[in-house]
Structure formats: structure tokens, C-alpha cells
Amino acid sequence: MSRKLRRRNAIAPETTLEDAIWATDGKSTEGQAESNELNHCIQKSLADMKDKFRIPMILFYYDDFPMETIADMCQIPVGTVKSRLHKGRALLKKSLEKEGFG
């Protein structure tokens, strides 16, 4: 798996509902609870972000749009998309660390 895909999956794992149900069979209840808590904290952190950071993060990590398409959609340069993704990741990391996820 490439570094890019590992980073995307760390922030927003790409699974279907059926995959998630089957995947929980191998996890302990504690592991499931921790995973659910992490997902909840990520969603909360994204919801608390300013739109200029949240929109590129969602389009890139959840909807899998390339940076050029996000730039066209938001009518901003590609470099700005890159910097907003970088800042968005930093804000997300800081928020998750505050919640106890290291």
C-alpha cells in the first residue's frame, strides 16, 4: 500500500457498511468501542473546523477527489488546496490529541 493510501485510510478508512460488519467479527469489543470512539471524534473535529479546511478535507479523504478537481470546485489554486489539507490534518491531529488519541 502506498504512503498516500495509508494516510487516507488513517484519516478516513474506505469501507462499506457490509465490510465494517464483517470486519468487527475479528475485533474485540474493546477494539470496536475504541474504533467507534475515534470515528466519532474525527467526525466531531471535522464538524468544528472552518469551512475552508473542512470542505477540502472531506472532498479529498471521503469523496476521493483529486486536488485539481477540488481546486476547480472551490475556485482556488491547487497550492491553496494543498496548504488547506496540510492545515486541516494538523487541526485534526491537535483535536484528536486533545481527546486522548495519540
C-alpha atoms as a PDB file:
ATOM      1  CA  MET A   1       0.000   0.000   0.000  1.00  0.00           C
ATOM      2  CA  SER A   2       1.376   3.409  -0.911  1.00  0.00           C
ATOM      3  CA  ARG A   3       2.041   6.140   1.630  1.00  0.00           C
ATOM      4  CA  LYS A   4      -0.791   8.174   0.153  1.00  0.00           C
ATOM      5  CA  LEU A   5      -3.343   5.391   0.627  1.00  0.00           C
ATOM      6  CA  ARG A   6      -2.117   4.614   4.154  1.00  0.00           C
ATOM      7  CA  ARG A   7      -2.521   8.274   5.119  1.00  0.00           C
ATOM      8  CA  ARG A   8      -6.008   8.442   3.606  1.00  0.00           C
ATOM      9  CA  ASN A   9      -7.074   5.240   5.327  1.00  0.00           C
ATOM     10  CA  ALA A  10      -5.737   6.509   8.653  1.00  0.00           C
ATOM     11  CA  ILE A  11      -7.979   9.562   8.428  1.00  0.00           C
ATOM     12  CA  ALA A  12     -10.960   8.123   6.600  1.00  0.00           C
ATOM     13  CA  PRO A  13     -10.943   4.360   6.147  1.00  0.00           C
ATOM     14  CA  GLU A  14     -12.617   3.250   2.946  1.00  0.00           C
ATOM     15  CA  THR A  15     -15.039   0.505   3.932  1.00  0.00           C
ATOM     16  CA  THR A  16     -18.612  -0.299   3.079  1.00  0.00           C
ATOM     17  CA  LEU A  17     -21.165  -0.986   5.762  1.00  0.00           C
ATOM     18  CA  GLU A  18     -21.074  -4.704   4.978  1.00  0.00           C
ATOM     19  CA  ASP A  19     -17.266  -4.762   5.214  1.00  0.00           C
ATOM     20  CA  ALA A  20     -17.436  -2.980   8.554  1.00  0.00           C
ATOM     21  CA  ILE A  21     -19.933  -5.502   9.919  1.00  0.00           C
ATOM     22  CA  TRP A  22     -17.828  -8.485   8.820  1.00  0.00           C
ATOM     23  CA  ALA A  23     -14.588  -6.878   9.982  1.00  0.00           C
ATOM     24  CA  THR A  24     -15.873  -6.496  13.543  1.00  0.00           C
ATOM     25  CA  ASP A  25     -16.020 -10.283  13.956  1.00  0.00           C
ATOM     26  CA  GLY A  26     -12.271 -10.427  14.470  1.00  0.00           C
ATOM     27  CA  LYS A  27     -12.069  -7.432  16.805  1.00  0.00           C
ATOM     28  CA  SER A  28     -12.588  -7.455  20.497  1.00  0.00           C
ATOM     29  CA  THR A  29     -15.430  -5.439  21.962  1.00  0.00           C
ATOM     30  CA  GLU A  30     -12.871  -3.033  23.386  1.00  0.00           C
ATOM     31  CA  GLY A  31     -11.272  -2.596  19.956  1.00  0.00           C
ATOM     32  CA  GLN A  32     -14.648  -1.938  18.376  1.00  0.00           C
ATOM     33  CA  ALA A  33     -15.508   0.638  21.021  1.00  0.00           C
ATOM     34  CA  GLU A  34     -12.181   2.409  20.571  1.00  0.00           C
ATOM     35  CA  SER A  35     -12.599   2.440  16.800  1.00  0.00           C
ATOM     36  CA  ASN A  36     -16.128   3.824  17.112  1.00  0.00           C
ATOM     37  CA  GLU A  37     -14.925   6.499  19.532  1.00  0.00           C
ATOM     38  CA  LEU A  38     -12.120   7.506  17.166  1.00  0.00           C
ATOM     39  CA  ASN A  39     -14.534   7.772  14.234  1.00  0.00           C
ATOM     40  CA  HIS A  40     -16.907   9.848  16.347  1.00  0.00           C
ATOM     41  CA  CYS A  41     -14.087  12.201  17.386  1.00  0.00           C
ATOM     42  CA  ILE A  42     -12.944  12.579  13.766  1.00  0.00           C
ATOM     43  CA  GLN A  43     -16.475  13.458  12.676  1.00  0.00           C
ATOM     44  CA  LYS A  44     -16.827  15.945  15.546  1.00  0.00           C
ATOM     45  CA  SER A  45     -13.454  17.520  14.778  1.00  0.00           C
ATOM     46  CA  LEU A  46     -14.331  17.898  11.105  1.00  0.00           C
ATOM     47  CA  ALA A  47     -17.680  19.451  12.012  1.00  0.00           C
ATOM     48  CA  ASP A  48     -15.930  22.005  14.238  1.00  0.00           C
ATOM     49  CA  MET A  49     -13.456  23.054  11.516  1.00  0.00           C
ATOM     50  CA  LYS A  50     -13.898  26.169   9.453  1.00  0.00           C
ATOM     51  CA  ASP A  51     -15.381  25.515   6.005  1.00  0.00           C
ATOM     52  CA  LYS A  52     -12.179  26.464   4.218  1.00  0.00           C
ATOM     53  CA  PHE A  53     -10.409  23.489   5.851  1.00  0.00           C
ATOM     54  CA  ARG A  54     -13.343  21.076   6.231  1.00  0.00           C
ATOM     55  CA  ILE A  55     -14.512  21.141   2.601  1.00  0.00           C
ATOM     56  CA  PRO A  56     -11.143  20.172   1.040  1.00  0.00           C
ATOM     57  CA  MET A  57     -10.626  17.512   3.745  1.00  0.00           C
ATOM     58  CA  ILE A  58     -13.991  15.880   3.050  1.00  0.00           C
ATOM     59  CA  LEU A  59     -13.631  16.111  -0.732  1.00  0.00           C
ATOM     60  CA  PHE A  60     -10.119  14.652  -0.653  1.00  0.00           C
ATOM     61  CA  TYR A  61     -10.377  11.976   2.045  1.00  0.00           C
ATOM     62  CA  TYR A  62     -14.032  10.933   1.931  1.00  0.00           C
ATOM     63  CA  ASP A  63     -15.024  11.597  -1.675  1.00  0.00           C
ATOM     64  CA  ASP A  64     -11.571  10.817  -3.135  1.00  0.00           C
ATOM     65  CA  PHE A  65     -11.432  13.827  -5.467  1.00  0.00           C
ATOM     66  CA  PRO A  66      -8.024  14.793  -6.872  1.00  0.00           C
ATOM     67  CA  MET A  67      -6.574  18.119  -5.732  1.00  0.00           C
ATOM     68  CA  GLU A  68      -7.041  19.687  -9.165  1.00  0.00           C
ATOM     69  CA  THR A  69     -10.773  18.941  -9.105  1.00  0.00           C
ATOM     70  CA  ILE A  70     -11.110  20.325  -5.583  1.00  0.00           C
ATOM     71  CA  ALA A  71      -9.306  23.478  -6.720  1.00  0.00           C
ATOM     72  CA  ASP A  72     -11.743  23.876  -9.612  1.00  0.00           C
ATOM     73  CA  MET A  73     -14.769  23.232  -7.398  1.00  0.00           C
ATOM     74  CA  CYS A  74     -13.646  25.721  -4.741  1.00  0.00           C
ATOM     75  CA  GLN A  75     -12.241  28.160  -7.318  1.00  0.00           C
ATOM     76  CA  ILE A  76      -8.861  28.340  -5.602  1.00  0.00           C
ATOM     77  CA  PRO A  77      -5.320  27.422  -6.735  1.00  0.00           C
ATOM     78  CA  VAL A  78      -4.063  23.847  -6.272  1.00  0.00           C
ATOM     79  CA  GLY A  79      -1.359  25.132  -3.904  1.00  0.00           C
ATOM     80  CA  THR A  80      -4.063  26.568  -1.658  1.00  0.00           C
ATOM     81  CA  VAL A  81      -5.837  23.194  -1.601  1.00  0.00           C
ATOM     82  CA  LYS A  82      -2.562  21.538  -0.582  1.00  0.00           C
ATOM     83  CA  SER A  83      -1.940  24.038   2.204  1.00  0.00           C
ATOM     84  CA  ARG A  84      -5.520  23.753   3.482  1.00  0.00           C
ATOM     85  CA  LEU A  85      -5.255  19.960   3.545  1.00  0.00           C
ATOM     86  CA  HIS A  86      -1.998  20.262   5.469  1.00  0.00           C
ATOM     87  CA  LYS A  87      -3.512  22.702   7.954  1.00  0.00           C
ATOM     88  CA  GLY A  88      -6.687  20.595   8.208  1.00  0.00           C
ATOM     89  CA  ARG A  89      -4.637  17.495   9.067  1.00  0.00           C
ATOM     90  CA  ALA A  90      -2.747  19.485  11.702  1.00  0.00           C
ATOM     91  CA  LEU A  91      -6.019  20.743  13.217  1.00  0.00           C
ATOM     92  CA  LEU A  92      -7.452  17.226  13.197  1.00  0.00           C
ATOM     93  CA  LYS A  93      -4.336  15.809  14.847  1.00  0.00           C
ATOM     94  CA  LYS A  94      -4.388  18.503  17.532  1.00  0.00           C
ATOM     95  CA  SER A  95      -8.066  17.889  18.207  1.00  0.00           C
ATOM     96  CA  LEU A  96      -7.609  14.128  18.441  1.00  0.00           C
ATOM     97  CA  GLU A  97      -4.618  14.512  20.776  1.00  0.00           C
ATOM     98  CA  LYS A  98      -6.760  16.720  22.997  1.00  0.00           C
ATOM     99  CA  GLU A  99      -9.362  13.925  23.110  1.00  0.00           C
ATOM    100  CA  GLY A 100      -6.702  11.420  24.168  1.00  0.00           C
ATOM    101  CA  PHE A 101      -5.842   9.758  20.866  1.00  0.00           C
ATOM    102  CA  GLY A 102      -2.092   9.854  20.387  1.00  0.00           C
END
